[in-house]
Amino acid sequence: MREPSPLVPKRSRRSARVLLALTVIVLGVLLKVTLDGARAYVFGYPLVIMDVTRAAAALTVGPTNGLLRVRAFPDARFRGVVRPNVDTLYTTAFIDMNDGPFVFEMAPNAVRYELFPFMDAWTNVFASPGTRTAGTAGGRYLLVGPAWQGTPPDGLAVLRAPTRIVWLIGRTQTNGAADYPLVHRLQDAVTLRPLAPRVTPAWRPASQRPAPPVEQVRAMSTEAFFTRLAALMVDNPPTPADAPMMRRLAALGVAPGRPLRWNALDRWSASIGRWVADRAIARRLQNPPNLVRGWSTPPSILGRYGTNYAVRGAVAMAGLGANLPVDAMYPNARVDARGDALDGSHRYRIHFAAGALPPVNAFWSVTAYGADEALLDTGTGRFAVGDRDALRPNPDGSLDLWVQATPPRGEARANWLPVRAGAPFLLNARLYWPRPEALRGTWSMPAVERLD
C-alpha cells in the first residue's frame, strides 16, 4: 500500500489560500460596484425627482411658465408636501428656459418680507431676489438660459439659469388669514412673462391626479431611473466640478443622451446600490447627527451644495425645494431635552431666556406636525406660534412657549402651541432672514423641556 504524499496537505492549504484570496477580491469588487451604484443614484436623484415634480405640476397645478399664486394657508387635510408652512403664501412656477428669455418683475414692497429663489434642475439656488437682496424697491430681471447671448433691455438685470428646467418658489410673509387681502395684492404685483410675446395654449387640469413625485420615483425600475437621468442631463448639464462623478457614471454605462450600456454587473450594482442608498438616507433623516439641545439644523450648504451629493440627495428626498439658509433656516426637533420622542401625552415648555429670542431680521415661528409630517388636526385651527402673535413674555423678559394637548391657564394660553393628545409629533422652527449668530451657530434653539 502506498503511503499518502506529504505534498497533499500543502497543496490543500495553498488551494485554500488561493480560494480565500479570490473570495476577498470578488467581495471587494462587489462592494466597490455597489458603492458606485449608490453614489450614482444619490447624484442623479435630485434631477430625476425635479423632473417628475415638474411633470406632475403641469398636469395638476398649472401650465409651465405660468405663475401659480397660492391664496390661502394649508390645513390639516393637506398632503401636497411634507411640513407645509403657515407663515407665507407661495408664488411658484416651473419654467422651461427653451421658451425664454423671460421678464420677471417684483413691485416695490415695504410692508412684507418676501423671497423669490430660482432653482436649477439639480436643486441649487442660482438667484434669490427679494427683501434680503433687493431691499424694498422691488426689481426687474431678465431670466435667460445657459446658452443665451444678447443684450438685455434697459433696466433689466440678467439672471442666468444653468439648466433648462427652473423652479421658482416665492414666499411672501402672511400674518394670518386676515392678512390675505394685502398679500394677494403683493402677489399680483409679481409677474413673469416671455420677453417675446407668444400664444399660450389653454390649460386644464388632468382628470386624475398622479401619485406624489416621491412615490413615482420609488416605483421606477432602476433602468428607468437611469435612462431618465441620462436623457435629462442633455439639457440640464452637470457642472464642471461634477466631472469625477460623470466619469463614474460613464464607467457604470450612464452618459448624457445615450442609451444605457449595461452588463449584468452594472445592472446588479445599480439596483443594489440604489437599495442601499435609500435605506441609508432614510436612517439618517430619522436619526440626524449633531443635535444641539435636541434640535437639528439643516447644513449651511443648503441650496448651494457644490459636490456634496449626499446632502443634496437627502434634502431632495426629505423636502424638495430648500431655500438658502440666509433667506430662511429651519431647525427641527423630534426629541425633548432627555432625548425622548415628543408625544402629545406629555406637556412641554420651550423657554427663551431674556434677549435670546430667535435672532431674525424678518420674523420667526414654531410649527407642530404629526408623525406623517402633516399639520396636526387639533380642532383649534392653530398650527404655529411666533413673534407675529400676541405672545405674553415673562416679567424678566424671557418667553415660554407651551406645547401640549390641553390649553394652559390664564395668559399662558396666548403662548400655546396645540398638539394631539397621545400622538407623536415633531417641531419645526422657522427663522426668516436669520441674523449671523443663527447662521454661525452661536445661537441655537432652547431644549424642549418635558414638564410631567
Protein backbone atom coordinates (compact mmCIF):
# COMPACT_ATOMS: atom_id res chain seq x y z
CA MET A 1 0.00 0.00 0.00
CA ARG A 2 1.31 3.42 -0.98
CA GLU A 3 1.74 5.97 1.75
CA PRO A 4 -0.08 9.35 1.26
CA SER A 5 2.10 12.01 -0.24
CA PRO A 6 3.28 14.65 2.22
CA LEU A 7 2.58 17.23 -0.53
CA VAL A 8 -1.22 16.81 -0.33
CA PRO A 9 -1.75 18.88 2.84
CA LYS A 10 0.49 21.61 1.46
CA ARG A 11 -1.46 21.66 -1.79
CA SER A 12 -4.74 21.82 0.14
CA ARG A 13 -3.50 24.73 2.23
CA ARG A 14 -2.26 26.51 -0.88
CA SER A 15 -5.61 25.97 -2.61
CA ALA A 16 -7.46 27.27 0.44
CA ARG A 17 -5.32 30.41 0.49
CA VAL A 18 -5.92 30.99 -3.21
CA LEU A 19 -9.66 30.48 -2.76
CA LEU A 20 -9.69 32.91 0.17
CA ALA A 21 -7.76 35.50 -1.82
CA LEU A 22 -10.14 35.15 -4.76
CA THR A 23 -13.12 35.47 -2.42
CA VAL A 24 -11.71 38.66 -0.92
CA ILE A 25 -11.08 40.08 -4.39
CA VAL A 26 -14.60 39.23 -5.57
CA LEU A 27 -16.18 40.70 -2.43
CA GLY A 28 -14.06 43.82 -2.85
CA VAL A 29 -15.21 44.21 -6.45
CA LEU A 30 -18.85 43.69 -5.45
CA LEU A 31 -18.53 46.23 -2.64
CA LYS A 32 -16.96 48.77 -4.98
CA VAL A 33 -19.58 48.41 -7.68
CA THR A 34 -22.35 48.57 -5.07
CA LEU A 35 -20.92 51.81 -3.69
CA ASP A 36 -20.55 53.15 -7.22
CA GLY A 37 -24.22 52.35 -7.87
CA ALA A 38 -25.28 54.03 -4.63
CA ARG A 39 -23.26 57.17 -5.38
CA ALA A 40 -24.63 57.36 -8.92
CA TYR A 41 -28.21 57.07 -7.67
CA VAL A 42 -27.76 59.74 -4.99
CA PHE A 43 -26.08 62.02 -7.51
CA GLY A 44 -28.93 61.74 -10.01
CA TYR A 45 -31.89 61.65 -7.62
CA PRO A 46 -32.44 65.45 -7.38
CA LEU A 47 -32.56 65.86 -11.16
CA VAL A 48 -34.97 62.97 -11.66
CA ILE A 49 -37.38 63.96 -8.89
CA MET A 50 -37.26 67.58 -10.03
CA ASP A 51 -38.42 66.49 -13.48
CA VAL A 52 -41.11 64.19 -12.07
CA THR A 53 -42.34 67.06 -9.88
CA ARG A 54 -42.37 69.39 -12.90
CA ALA A 55 -44.40 66.91 -14.95
CA ALA A 56 -46.88 66.39 -12.11
CA ALA A 57 -47.30 70.15 -11.67
CA ALA A 58 -48.01 70.57 -15.39
CA LEU A 59 -50.85 68.06 -15.05
CA THR A 60 -52.49 69.28 -11.87
CA VAL A 61 -51.16 72.68 -10.73
CA GLY A 62 -50.88 74.93 -13.76
CA PRO A 63 -49.19 75.47 -17.11
CA THR A 64 -45.42 75.59 -17.48
CA ASN A 65 -44.08 79.19 -17.48
CA GLY A 66 -47.14 80.47 -15.63
CA LEU A 67 -47.20 81.79 -12.07
CA LEU A 68 -49.33 79.94 -9.55
CA ARG A 69 -50.38 82.23 -6.71
CA VAL A 70 -51.43 80.21 -3.66
CA ARG A 71 -54.13 82.24 -1.93
CA ALA A 72 -54.58 80.52 1.43
CA PHE A 73 -52.69 78.50 4.03
CA PRO A 74 -52.97 74.70 4.01
CA ASP A 75 -54.94 72.95 6.74
CA ALA A 76 -54.59 69.57 8.43
CA ARG A 77 -56.03 67.78 5.37
CA PHE A 78 -53.22 68.99 3.11
CA ARG A 79 -50.77 66.31 1.91
CA GLY A 80 -49.17 68.02 -1.09
CA VAL A 81 -45.77 68.44 0.58
CA VAL A 82 -44.32 67.49 3.95
CA ARG A 83 -44.13 70.10 6.70
CA PRO A 84 -46.11 72.84 4.93
CA ASN A 85 -45.71 76.30 6.43
CA VAL A 86 -48.41 78.68 7.68
CA ASP A 87 -46.14 81.73 7.61
CA THR A 88 -46.09 82.65 3.93
CA LEU A 89 -48.19 82.39 0.79
CA TYR A 90 -46.42 80.89 -2.20
CA THR A 91 -45.98 82.22 -5.73
CA THR A 92 -44.44 79.47 -7.84
CA ALA A 93 -43.69 78.45 -11.42
CA PHE A 94 -41.92 75.72 -13.32
CA ILE A 95 -40.12 77.40 -16.20
CA ASP A 96 -38.83 75.89 -19.44
CA MET A 97 -35.85 78.01 -20.47
CA ASN A 98 -36.16 76.77 -24.06
CA ASP A 99 -39.20 79.08 -24.20
CA GLY A 100 -37.27 82.07 -22.82
CA PRO A 101 -35.91 84.57 -22.10
CA PHE A 102 -38.45 85.73 -19.52
CA VAL A 103 -39.07 89.01 -17.77
CA PHE A 104 -39.57 88.66 -14.01
CA GLU A 105 -40.77 91.72 -12.10
CA MET A 106 -41.40 92.46 -8.42
CA ALA A 107 -43.17 95.67 -7.47
CA PRO A 108 -41.86 97.75 -4.55
CA ASN A 109 -42.82 96.16 -1.23
CA ALA A 110 -42.03 97.86 2.06
CA VAL A 111 -44.66 96.05 4.13
CA ARG A 112 -43.94 92.30 4.00
CA TYR A 113 -40.80 90.17 3.80
CA GLU A 114 -40.54 88.25 0.53
CA LEU A 115 -38.09 85.91 -1.16
CA PHE A 116 -38.15 84.51 -4.69
CA PRO A 117 -35.45 81.85 -5.06
CA PHE A 118 -34.87 80.35 -8.50
CA MET A 119 -33.61 76.75 -8.50
CA ASP A 120 -31.91 74.91 -11.30
CA ALA A 121 -32.75 71.33 -12.24
CA TRP A 122 -30.25 69.98 -9.69
CA THR A 123 -31.99 71.94 -6.85
CA ASN A 124 -29.25 74.56 -6.50
CA VAL A 125 -30.47 78.12 -5.92
CA PHE A 126 -28.83 80.30 -8.57
CA ALA A 127 -30.64 83.56 -7.75
CA SER A 128 -32.78 84.80 -4.86
CA PRO A 129 -34.39 88.19 -5.49
CA GLY A 130 -36.33 89.55 -2.55
CA THR A 131 -36.20 91.74 0.52
CA ARG A 132 -32.79 90.48 1.66
CA THR A 133 -31.05 91.02 -1.67
CA ALA A 134 -33.03 93.85 -3.30
CA GLY A 135 -34.45 95.76 -0.34
CA THR A 136 -37.96 97.19 -0.60
CA ALA A 137 -37.63 98.75 -4.06
CA GLY A 138 -38.64 95.62 -5.98
CA GLY A 139 -36.76 94.59 -9.10
CA ARG A 140 -36.89 93.87 -12.83
CA TYR A 141 -34.96 90.92 -14.22
CA LEU A 142 -34.30 89.08 -17.47
CA LEU A 143 -34.21 85.33 -16.84
CA VAL A 144 -32.09 83.68 -19.54
CA GLY A 145 -30.97 80.14 -20.30
CA PRO A 146 -27.42 78.80 -20.19
CA ALA A 147 -26.71 79.39 -23.90
CA TRP A 148 -28.41 82.78 -24.28
CA GLN A 149 -26.35 85.51 -25.91
CA GLY A 150 -27.58 89.04 -26.33
CA THR A 151 -28.07 92.44 -24.80
CA PRO A 152 -30.77 92.75 -22.14
CA PRO A 153 -33.34 95.53 -22.49
CA ASP A 154 -32.65 98.64 -20.44
CA GLY A 155 -33.50 98.31 -16.77
CA LEU A 156 -33.41 94.50 -16.64
CA ALA A 157 -30.75 92.73 -14.58
CA VAL A 158 -29.77 89.33 -16.01
CA LEU A 159 -30.43 86.12 -14.07
CA ARG A 160 -28.73 83.23 -15.91
CA ALA A 161 -30.18 79.77 -15.38
CA PRO A 162 -27.61 76.97 -15.73
CA THR A 163 -30.23 74.39 -16.80
CA ARG A 164 -33.34 74.13 -18.96
CA ILE A 165 -35.61 73.30 -16.02
CA VAL A 166 -36.07 76.11 -13.49
CA TRP A 167 -38.33 76.17 -10.44
CA LEU A 168 -39.35 79.44 -8.80
CA ILE A 169 -40.66 79.05 -5.25
CA GLY A 170 -41.58 82.51 -3.99
CA ARG A 171 -42.77 83.19 -0.45
CA THR A 172 -44.48 86.30 0.92
CA GLN A 173 -44.86 86.91 4.66
CA THR A 174 -48.51 86.50 5.66
CA ASN A 175 -49.68 87.44 9.15
CA GLY A 176 -52.67 85.15 9.41
CA ALA A 177 -55.83 84.85 7.32
CA ALA A 178 -56.74 88.48 7.99
CA ASP A 179 -53.62 89.41 6.01
CA TYR A 180 -54.75 87.66 2.82
CA PRO A 181 -56.14 90.75 1.00
CA LEU A 182 -52.86 92.66 1.41
CA VAL A 183 -50.70 89.68 0.46
CA HIS A 184 -52.86 88.90 -2.56
CA ARG A 185 -52.19 92.41 -3.87
CA LEU A 186 -48.46 91.87 -3.33
CA GLN A 187 -48.62 88.53 -5.15
CA ASP A 188 -50.49 90.08 -8.07
CA ALA A 189 -47.71 92.66 -8.41
CA VAL A 190 -45.21 89.86 -9.13
CA THR A 191 -45.20 88.92 -12.82
CA LEU A 192 -43.46 86.50 -15.17
CA ARG A 193 -43.77 86.80 -18.96
CA PRO A 194 -41.76 85.84 -22.04
CA LEU A 195 -39.63 88.64 -23.46
CA ALA A 196 -41.09 87.93 -26.90
CA PRO A 197 -44.90 87.66 -26.76
CA ARG A 198 -46.22 84.23 -27.62
CA VAL A 199 -49.56 82.45 -27.71
CA THR A 200 -50.10 80.39 -24.59
CA PRO A 201 -52.18 77.25 -25.13
CA ALA A 202 -55.22 76.75 -22.93
CA TRP A 203 -54.57 74.63 -19.85
CA ARG A 204 -56.89 72.31 -18.00
CA PRO A 205 -56.03 70.13 -15.02
CA ALA A 206 -55.83 66.40 -15.57
CA SER A 207 -58.92 64.48 -14.53
CA GLN A 208 -56.84 62.17 -12.35
CA ARG A 209 -54.05 63.25 -10.03
CA PRO A 210 -50.77 61.36 -10.42
CA ALA A 211 -49.08 59.74 -7.44
CA PRO A 212 -46.84 62.04 -5.38
CA PRO A 213 -43.43 62.51 -7.05
CA VAL A 214 -41.54 60.65 -4.31
CA GLU A 215 -43.79 57.63 -4.83
CA GLN A 216 -43.39 57.85 -8.60
CA VAL A 217 -39.61 57.76 -8.33
CA ARG A 218 -39.77 54.93 -5.82
CA ALA A 219 -41.91 52.92 -8.23
CA MET A 220 -39.47 53.36 -11.15
CA SER A 221 -37.32 50.44 -12.14
CA THR A 222 -33.62 51.13 -11.74
CA GLU A 223 -33.16 51.04 -15.51
CA ALA A 224 -35.99 53.56 -15.98
CA PHE A 225 -34.43 55.85 -13.36
CA PHE A 226 -31.01 55.93 -15.01
CA THR A 227 -32.50 56.14 -18.51
CA ARG A 228 -34.39 59.25 -17.46
CA LEU A 229 -31.30 60.66 -15.78
CA ALA A 230 -29.24 60.20 -18.96
CA ALA A 231 -31.90 61.96 -21.06
CA LEU A 232 -32.29 64.86 -18.62
CA MET A 233 -28.56 65.59 -18.44
CA VAL A 234 -28.55 66.73 -22.09
CA ASP A 235 -30.47 69.97 -21.40
CA ASN A 236 -29.65 70.11 -17.70
CA PRO A 237 -25.90 69.55 -17.68
CA PRO A 238 -23.85 68.88 -14.56
CA THR A 239 -21.26 71.46 -13.57
CA PRO A 240 -17.53 71.20 -14.37
CA ALA A 241 -16.96 70.26 -10.72
CA ASP A 242 -19.06 67.14 -11.33
CA ALA A 243 -16.53 65.73 -13.83
CA PRO A 244 -15.22 62.97 -11.48
CA MET A 245 -18.77 61.78 -10.85
CA MET A 246 -19.53 61.87 -14.56
CA ARG A 247 -16.58 59.55 -15.14
CA ARG A 248 -18.03 57.17 -12.55
CA LEU A 249 -21.39 57.31 -14.30
CA ALA A 250 -19.71 56.57 -17.62
CA ALA A 251 -17.98 53.55 -16.07
CA LEU A 252 -21.45 52.41 -15.00
CA GLY A 253 -22.71 52.78 -18.58
CA VAL A 254 -24.64 56.04 -17.99
CA ALA A 255 -23.89 59.06 -20.21
CA PRO A 256 -25.93 62.13 -21.25
CA GLY A 257 -28.22 61.42 -24.19
CA ARG A 258 -27.09 57.82 -24.65
CA PRO A 259 -28.97 54.58 -24.04
CA LEU A 260 -27.78 52.57 -21.08
CA ARG A 261 -24.93 50.21 -21.83
CA TRP A 262 -25.30 47.75 -19.01
CA ASN A 263 -23.89 44.34 -18.45
CA ALA A 264 -25.16 42.08 -15.68
CA LEU A 265 -22.69 43.51 -13.15
CA ASP A 266 -23.73 47.10 -13.95
CA ARG A 267 -27.40 46.24 -13.53
CA TRP A 268 -26.71 44.46 -10.26
CA SER A 269 -24.55 47.26 -8.83
CA ALA A 270 -27.04 49.99 -9.74
CA SER A 271 -30.01 48.11 -8.28
CA ILE A 272 -28.33 47.06 -5.05
CA GLY A 273 -26.64 50.45 -4.72
CA ARG A 274 -30.00 52.19 -5.03
CA TRP A 275 -31.47 49.94 -2.34
CA VAL A 276 -28.54 50.67 -0.01
CA ALA A 277 -28.70 54.43 -0.63
CA ASP A 278 -32.45 54.69 0.01
CA ARG A 279 -32.15 52.97 3.36
CA ALA A 280 -29.02 54.80 4.45
CA ILE A 281 -30.59 58.20 3.76
CA ALA A 282 -33.87 57.21 5.45
CA ARG A 283 -31.97 56.19 8.60
CA ARG A 284 -30.01 59.44 8.60
CA LEU A 285 -33.16 61.53 8.21
CA GLN A 286 -34.83 59.71 11.10
CA ASN A 287 -31.74 60.00 13.31
CA PRO A 288 -29.99 63.24 12.38
CA PRO A 289 -26.47 63.68 13.78
CA ASN A 290 -25.06 66.62 15.72
CA LEU A 291 -28.19 67.58 17.63
CA VAL A 292 -27.89 70.77 19.69
CA ARG A 293 -30.26 70.70 22.67
CA GLY A 294 -32.34 68.16 20.77
CA TRP A 295 -32.65 70.33 17.63
CA SER A 296 -31.26 69.51 14.21
CA THR A 297 -30.36 72.42 11.96
CA PRO A 298 -30.01 71.76 8.22
CA PRO A 299 -26.46 72.26 6.92
CA SER A 300 -25.21 75.66 5.84
CA ILE A 301 -24.68 74.44 2.25
CA LEU A 302 -28.43 74.06 1.73
CA GLY A 303 -29.39 75.35 -1.70
CA ARG A 304 -25.75 75.55 -2.86
CA TYR A 305 -24.45 72.04 -2.46
CA GLY A 306 -21.32 72.01 -4.58
CA THR A 307 -20.20 68.38 -4.80
CA ASN A 308 -21.80 67.28 -1.53
CA TYR A 309 -24.16 64.91 -3.31
CA ALA A 310 -25.18 63.09 -0.13
CA VAL A 311 -26.66 66.23 1.43
CA ARG A 312 -28.24 67.31 -1.85
CA GLY A 313 -29.84 63.90 -2.35
CA ALA A 314 -31.09 63.67 1.24
CA VAL A 315 -32.68 67.13 1.04
CA ALA A 316 -34.38 66.22 -2.25
CA MET A 317 -35.82 63.10 -0.63
CA ALA A 318 -36.90 64.85 2.57
CA GLY A 319 -38.34 68.06 1.14
CA LEU A 320 -37.63 69.20 -2.40
CA GLY A 321 -37.18 72.93 -2.86
CA ALA A 322 -34.98 74.06 0.02
CA ASN A 323 -34.02 77.73 0.01
CA LEU A 324 -30.75 79.32 1.11
CA PRO A 325 -30.22 79.47 4.90
CA VAL A 326 -29.51 83.22 4.61
CA ASP A 327 -33.13 83.63 3.45
CA ALA A 328 -34.71 81.23 5.95
CA MET A 329 -33.45 78.43 8.19
CA TYR A 330 -35.49 75.62 9.72
CA PRO A 331 -34.28 73.94 12.93
CA ASN A 332 -36.41 70.90 13.80
CA ALA A 333 -36.84 68.64 16.82
CA ARG A 334 -38.18 65.14 17.33
CA VAL A 335 -36.95 64.66 20.90
CA ASP A 336 -37.11 66.51 24.20
CA ALA A 337 -34.24 67.56 26.47
CA ARG A 338 -33.95 63.97 27.76
CA GLY A 339 -33.70 62.53 24.27
CA ASP A 340 -37.19 61.01 24.44
CA ALA A 341 -39.53 61.24 21.45
CA LEU A 342 -42.04 64.09 21.59
CA ASP A 343 -45.55 62.84 22.35
CA GLY A 344 -48.86 64.59 22.93
CA SER A 345 -49.48 62.61 26.11
CA HIS A 346 -46.99 64.95 27.83
CA ARG A 347 -46.69 68.69 28.40
CA TYR A 348 -43.62 70.63 27.23
CA ARG A 349 -42.08 74.07 27.51
CA ILE A 350 -39.68 75.93 25.21
CA HIS A 351 -38.02 78.64 27.31
CA PHE A 352 -36.26 81.56 25.63
CA ALA A 353 -34.08 83.50 28.04
CA ALA A 354 -34.36 87.28 28.04
CA GLY A 355 -32.60 88.63 24.97
CA ALA A 356 -32.32 85.15 23.41
CA LEU A 357 -35.34 85.03 21.12
CA PRO A 358 -34.65 83.70 17.62
CA PRO A 359 -32.36 86.33 16.01
CA VAL A 360 -34.00 87.42 12.76
CA ASN A 361 -34.28 90.44 10.52
CA ALA A 362 -37.79 89.40 9.43
CA PHE A 363 -39.81 87.05 11.69
CA TRP A 364 -39.85 83.60 13.33
CA SER A 365 -42.29 80.81 14.17
CA VAL A 366 -42.57 77.29 15.60
CA THR A 367 -44.95 74.78 13.95
CA ALA A 368 -46.08 71.34 15.16
CA TYR A 369 -46.52 68.37 12.81
CA GLY A 370 -47.69 64.80 13.22
CA ALA A 371 -45.60 61.70 12.64
CA ASP A 372 -46.63 61.90 8.96
CA GLU A 373 -45.15 65.44 8.84
CA ALA A 374 -48.55 66.98 8.10
CA LEU A 375 -50.22 69.73 10.13
CA LEU A 376 -51.99 68.49 13.26
CA ASP A 377 -55.78 68.44 13.42
CA THR A 378 -56.28 69.66 16.99
CA GLY A 379 -59.65 71.32 16.43
CA THR A 380 -58.18 74.72 17.33
CA GLY A 381 -57.18 75.91 13.86
CA ARG A 382 -53.84 76.94 15.33
CA PHE A 383 -50.81 75.25 13.82
CA ALA A 384 -47.95 77.57 14.79
CA VAL A 385 -46.90 80.32 17.19
CA GLY A 386 -44.39 83.08 16.60
CA ASP A 387 -43.41 86.69 17.01
CA ARG A 388 -46.36 87.95 14.94
CA ASP A 389 -48.74 86.55 17.57
CA ALA A 390 -49.66 88.46 20.73
CA LEU A 391 -47.24 86.44 22.86
CA ARG A 392 -47.01 87.17 26.59
CA PRO A 393 -43.42 87.48 27.88
CA ASN A 394 -42.47 86.78 31.48
CA PRO A 395 -41.75 89.72 33.83
CA ASP A 396 -37.98 89.24 33.38
CA GLY A 397 -38.26 89.50 29.59
CA SER A 398 -37.96 85.77 28.93
CA LEU A 399 -40.58 83.89 26.92
CA ASP A 400 -42.19 80.48 27.38
CA LEU A 401 -43.98 78.55 24.65
CA TRP A 402 -46.30 75.82 25.94
CA VAL A 403 -46.55 72.72 23.75
CA GLN A 404 -49.36 70.43 24.92
CA ALA A 405 -52.74 68.99 24.02
CA THR A 406 -54.78 70.97 26.56
CA PRO A 407 -54.75 74.77 26.79
CA PRO A 408 -52.71 76.26 29.64
CA ARG A 409 -54.46 78.54 32.10
CA GLY A 410 -54.65 82.29 32.08
CA GLU A 411 -52.34 84.45 30.00
CA ALA A 412 -50.15 81.45 29.12
CA ARG A 413 -52.80 80.44 26.60
CA ALA A 414 -51.52 83.18 24.28
CA ASN A 415 -48.24 81.22 24.03
CA TRP A 416 -49.86 77.82 23.43
CA LEU A 417 -48.87 75.53 20.55
CA PRO A 418 -51.52 72.77 20.45
CA VAL A 419 -50.68 69.12 19.74
CA ARG A 420 -52.84 65.99 19.67
CA ALA A 421 -53.31 64.04 22.90
CA GLY A 422 -51.46 60.73 22.90
CA ALA A 423 -49.98 61.20 19.42
CA PRO A 424 -46.30 61.61 18.48
CA PHE A 425 -45.29 64.92 16.94
CA LEU A 426 -42.30 66.93 15.79
CA LEU A 427 -41.49 70.63 15.78
CA ASN A 428 -40.15 72.93 13.09
CA ALA A 429 -38.83 76.37 13.93
CA ARG A 430 -38.51 78.85 11.06
CA LEU A 431 -36.21 81.86 11.12
CA TYR A 432 -36.81 84.18 8.18
CA TRP A 433 -33.77 86.25 7.20
CA PRO A 434 -31.75 84.95 10.16
CA ARG A 435 -29.00 87.05 11.68
CA PRO A 436 -25.33 85.98 11.67
CA GLU A 437 -25.43 84.43 15.15
CA ALA A 438 -28.07 81.95 13.99
CA LEU A 439 -26.22 81.19 10.76
CA ARG A 440 -22.90 80.71 12.60
CA GLY A 441 -24.47 78.52 15.26
CA THR A 442 -23.54 80.75 18.20
CA TRP A 443 -27.29 80.94 18.91
CA SER A 444 -29.45 77.82 18.94
CA MET A 445 -32.99 76.86 19.84
CA PRO A 446 -33.55 76.05 23.53
CA ALA A 447 -34.33 72.46 24.52
CA VAL A 448 -37.91 71.21 24.61
CA GLU A 449 -38.46 70.55 28.33
CA ARG A 450 -40.91 67.88 29.42
CA LEU A 451 -42.95 69.10 32.39
CA ASP A 452 -44.64 65.88 33.59
